[in-house]
Amino acid sequence: MAFATEKHGATSALQIEISAAVYALMTRIADYRAYRRTVAELSKLGNNELADLGLSRSGIIAAASEAVYGTRA
């Protein structure tokens, strides 16, 4: 009777790398969609409503970026 042995080391490591890359891509896509939704929602507001939030129309993109991605130094 013969037994076959399988080596999972290389395949498993490759699968982990691919899974990590796919997860990172999915996370980036989800973040970008949230960013675009935030920009769209803030753009719908009037100037007075934006002023109540402490924003101007020119600050919408920066505010959306900070809200989704956090502050980047």
N, C-alpha and C. Protein backbone atom coordinates (compact mmCIF):
# COMPACT_ATOMS: atom_id res chain seq x y z
N MET A 1 0.85 -1.16 0.00
CA MET A 1 0.00 0.00 0.00
C MET A 1 0.90 1.24 0.00
N ALA A 2 0.60 2.17 -0.85
CA ALA A 2 1.41 3.38 -0.96
C ALA A 2 0.65 4.55 -0.36
N PHE A 3 1.39 5.43 0.24
CA PHE A 3 0.80 6.62 0.83
C PHE A 3 1.34 7.86 0.11
N ALA A 4 0.49 8.79 -0.15
CA ALA A 4 0.92 10.04 -0.77
C ALA A 4 0.96 11.11 0.31
N THR A 5 2.00 11.86 0.29
CA THR A 5 2.08 12.97 1.24
C THR A 5 1.96 14.27 0.47
N GLU A 6 1.30 15.20 1.06
CA GLU A 6 1.12 16.51 0.43
C GLU A 6 1.90 17.54 1.21
N LYS A 7 2.49 18.44 0.49
CA LYS A 7 3.20 19.54 1.13
C LYS A 7 2.31 20.78 1.06
N HIS A 8 1.90 21.22 2.21
CA HIS A 8 1.01 22.38 2.28
C HIS A 8 1.76 23.67 2.57
N GLY A 9 3.02 23.60 2.90
CA GLY A 9 3.78 24.77 3.30
C GLY A 9 3.76 25.89 2.28
N ALA A 10 4.24 25.63 1.07
CA ALA A 10 4.31 26.67 0.05
C ALA A 10 2.93 27.09 -0.41
N THR A 11 2.06 26.13 -0.62
CA THR A 11 0.71 26.44 -1.07
C THR A 11 -0.03 27.25 -0.02
N SER A 12 0.11 26.88 1.21
CA SER A 12 -0.56 27.58 2.28
C SER A 12 -0.05 29.01 2.41
N ALA A 13 1.24 29.20 2.31
CA ALA A 13 1.81 30.55 2.40
C ALA A 13 1.32 31.41 1.25
N LEU A 14 1.27 30.84 0.06
CA LEU A 14 0.78 31.58 -1.10
C LEU A 14 -0.69 31.94 -0.94
N GLN A 15 -1.47 31.01 -0.43
CA GLN A 15 -2.89 31.28 -0.20
C GLN A 15 -3.08 32.39 0.81
N ILE A 16 -2.25 32.42 1.83
CA ILE A 16 -2.34 33.48 2.84
C ILE A 16 -1.99 34.82 2.22
N GLU A 17 -0.95 34.86 1.39
CA GLU A 17 -0.56 36.10 0.73
C GLU A 17 -1.66 36.60 -0.20
N ILE A 18 -2.25 35.71 -0.94
CA ILE A 18 -3.33 36.09 -1.86
C ILE A 18 -4.54 36.58 -1.07
N SER A 19 -4.87 35.88 0.00
CA SER A 19 -6.00 36.30 0.84
C SER A 19 -5.76 37.68 1.43
N ALA A 20 -4.55 37.93 1.87
CA ALA A 20 -4.22 39.24 2.45
C ALA A 20 -4.33 40.33 1.39
N ALA A 21 -3.87 40.05 0.18
CA ALA A 21 -3.95 41.04 -0.90
C ALA A 21 -5.40 41.32 -1.28
N VAL A 22 -6.22 40.27 -1.36
CA VAL A 22 -7.63 40.44 -1.69
C VAL A 22 -8.33 41.24 -0.59
N TYR A 23 -8.02 40.92 0.66
CA TYR A 23 -8.63 41.65 1.79
C TYR A 23 -8.23 43.13 1.74
N ALA A 24 -6.96 43.41 1.47
CA ALA A 24 -6.50 44.79 1.39
C ALA A 24 -7.21 45.54 0.27
N LEU A 25 -7.37 44.89 -0.87
CA LEU A 25 -8.06 45.51 -2.00
C LEU A 25 -9.52 45.78 -1.66
N MET A 26 -10.19 44.82 -1.05
CA MET A 26 -11.59 45.00 -0.68
C MET A 26 -11.75 46.14 0.33
N THR A 27 -10.81 46.24 1.25
CA THR A 27 -10.85 47.31 2.25
C THR A 27 -10.68 48.67 1.58
N ARG A 28 -9.74 48.76 0.64
CA ARG A 28 -9.53 50.02 -0.07
C ARG A 28 -10.75 50.42 -0.89
N ILE A 29 -11.39 49.44 -1.52
CA ILE A 29 -12.59 49.73 -2.30
C ILE A 29 -13.71 50.21 -1.38
N ALA A 30 -13.90 49.55 -0.26
CA ALA A 30 -14.95 49.96 0.69
C ALA A 30 -14.68 51.36 1.23
N ASP A 31 -13.42 51.66 1.54
CA ASP A 31 -13.07 52.99 2.02
C ASP A 31 -13.34 54.04 0.96
N TYR A 32 -12.97 53.75 -0.29
CA TYR A 32 -13.21 54.70 -1.37
C TYR A 32 -14.70 54.96 -1.57
N ARG A 33 -15.50 53.90 -1.50
CA ARG A 33 -16.95 54.08 -1.64
C ARG A 33 -17.51 54.93 -0.50
N ALA A 34 -17.03 54.71 0.70
CA ALA A 34 -17.47 55.52 1.84
C ALA A 34 -17.06 56.98 1.64
N TYR A 35 -15.86 57.19 1.12
CA TYR A 35 -15.38 58.55 0.84
C TYR A 35 -16.27 59.23 -0.19
N ARG A 36 -16.58 58.54 -1.28
CA ARG A 36 -17.43 59.13 -2.33
C ARG A 36 -18.84 59.42 -1.81
N ARG A 37 -19.38 58.51 -0.97
CA ARG A 37 -20.71 58.74 -0.36
C ARG A 37 -20.67 59.97 0.54
N THR A 38 -19.61 60.11 1.31
CA THR A 38 -19.48 61.24 2.22
C THR A 38 -19.41 62.54 1.44
N VAL A 39 -18.61 62.56 0.37
CA VAL A 39 -18.52 63.77 -0.47
C VAL A 39 -19.89 64.09 -1.06
N ALA A 40 -20.59 63.08 -1.55
CA ALA A 40 -21.90 63.30 -2.16
C ALA A 40 -22.90 63.86 -1.15
N GLU A 41 -22.91 63.29 0.04
CA GLU A 41 -23.85 63.76 1.06
C GLU A 41 -23.53 65.19 1.50
N LEU A 42 -22.27 65.49 1.71
CA LEU A 42 -21.90 66.85 2.11
C LEU A 42 -22.18 67.85 0.99
N SER A 43 -22.02 67.42 -0.25
CA SER A 43 -22.27 68.31 -1.39
C SER A 43 -23.74 68.67 -1.52
N LYS A 44 -24.62 67.82 -1.02
CA LYS A 44 -26.05 68.09 -1.07
C LYS A 44 -26.49 69.20 -0.10
N LEU A 45 -25.66 69.43 0.92
CA LEU A 45 -26.03 70.42 1.93
C LEU A 45 -25.87 71.83 1.39
N GLY A 46 -26.69 72.73 1.92
CA GLY A 46 -26.58 74.13 1.56
C GLY A 46 -25.43 74.79 2.31
N ASN A 47 -25.10 76.01 1.89
CA ASN A 47 -23.99 76.73 2.52
C ASN A 47 -24.22 76.99 4.00
N ASN A 48 -25.46 77.28 4.38
CA ASN A 48 -25.76 77.53 5.79
C ASN A 48 -25.59 76.27 6.63
N GLU A 49 -26.04 75.14 6.08
CA GLU A 49 -25.88 73.87 6.80
C GLU A 49 -24.41 73.49 6.93
N LEU A 50 -23.65 73.72 5.87
CA LEU A 50 -22.22 73.46 5.94
C LEU A 50 -21.55 74.36 6.98
N ALA A 51 -21.97 75.61 7.02
CA ALA A 51 -21.41 76.55 8.00
C ALA A 51 -21.73 76.10 9.43
N ASP A 52 -22.92 75.53 9.62
CA ASP A 52 -23.28 75.01 10.94
C ASP A 52 -22.35 73.87 11.36
N LEU A 53 -21.85 73.13 10.38
CA LEU A 53 -20.92 72.04 10.65
C LEU A 53 -19.47 72.52 10.73
N GLY A 54 -19.27 73.81 10.46
CA GLY A 54 -17.93 74.36 10.49
C GLY A 54 -17.16 74.09 9.21
N LEU A 55 -17.89 73.90 8.11
CA LEU A 55 -17.26 73.61 6.82
C LEU A 55 -17.64 74.66 5.79
N SER A 56 -16.79 74.80 4.81
CA SER A 56 -17.15 75.57 3.63
C SER A 56 -17.19 74.58 2.47
N ARG A 57 -17.74 75.03 1.36
CA ARG A 57 -17.85 74.13 0.22
C ARG A 57 -16.47 73.66 -0.24
N SER A 58 -15.46 74.51 -0.11
CA SER A 58 -14.12 74.12 -0.54
C SER A 58 -13.46 73.11 0.41
N GLY A 59 -14.04 72.92 1.60
CA GLY A 59 -13.47 71.98 2.56
C GLY A 59 -14.13 70.62 2.58
N ILE A 60 -15.06 70.38 1.67
CA ILE A 60 -15.80 69.11 1.66
C ILE A 60 -14.86 67.93 1.43
N ILE A 61 -13.99 68.04 0.45
CA ILE A 61 -13.11 66.91 0.12
C ILE A 61 -12.18 66.60 1.29
N ALA A 62 -11.62 67.62 1.90
CA ALA A 62 -10.72 67.39 3.04
C ALA A 62 -11.48 66.78 4.21
N ALA A 63 -12.70 67.25 4.46
CA ALA A 63 -13.49 66.71 5.56
C ALA A 63 -13.87 65.26 5.31
N ALA A 64 -14.24 64.93 4.08
CA ALA A 64 -14.60 63.55 3.74
C ALA A 64 -13.38 62.65 3.86
N SER A 65 -12.25 63.12 3.41
CA SER A 65 -11.02 62.34 3.50
C SER A 65 -10.65 62.06 4.95
N GLU A 66 -10.74 63.08 5.78
CA GLU A 66 -10.43 62.90 7.20
C GLU A 66 -11.42 61.96 7.88
N ALA A 67 -12.70 62.08 7.50
CA ALA A 67 -13.72 61.23 8.11
C ALA A 67 -13.51 59.75 7.78
N VAL A 68 -13.11 59.46 6.55
CA VAL A 68 -12.98 58.07 6.13
C VAL A 68 -11.60 57.51 6.41
N TYR A 69 -10.58 58.28 6.05
CA TYR A 69 -9.21 57.77 6.13
C TYR A 69 -8.49 58.21 7.39
N GLY A 70 -9.05 59.16 8.13
CA GLY A 70 -8.38 59.68 9.32
C GLY A 70 -7.36 60.74 8.92
N THR A 71 -6.77 61.32 9.92
CA THR A 71 -5.76 62.34 9.62
C THR A 71 -4.47 61.68 9.20
N ARG A 72 -3.87 62.25 8.21
CA ARG A 72 -2.60 61.72 7.72
C ARG A 72 -1.56 62.81 7.83
N ALA A 73 -0.49 62.47 8.46
CA ALA A 73 0.58 63.47 8.62
C ALA A 73 1.68 63.24 7.62
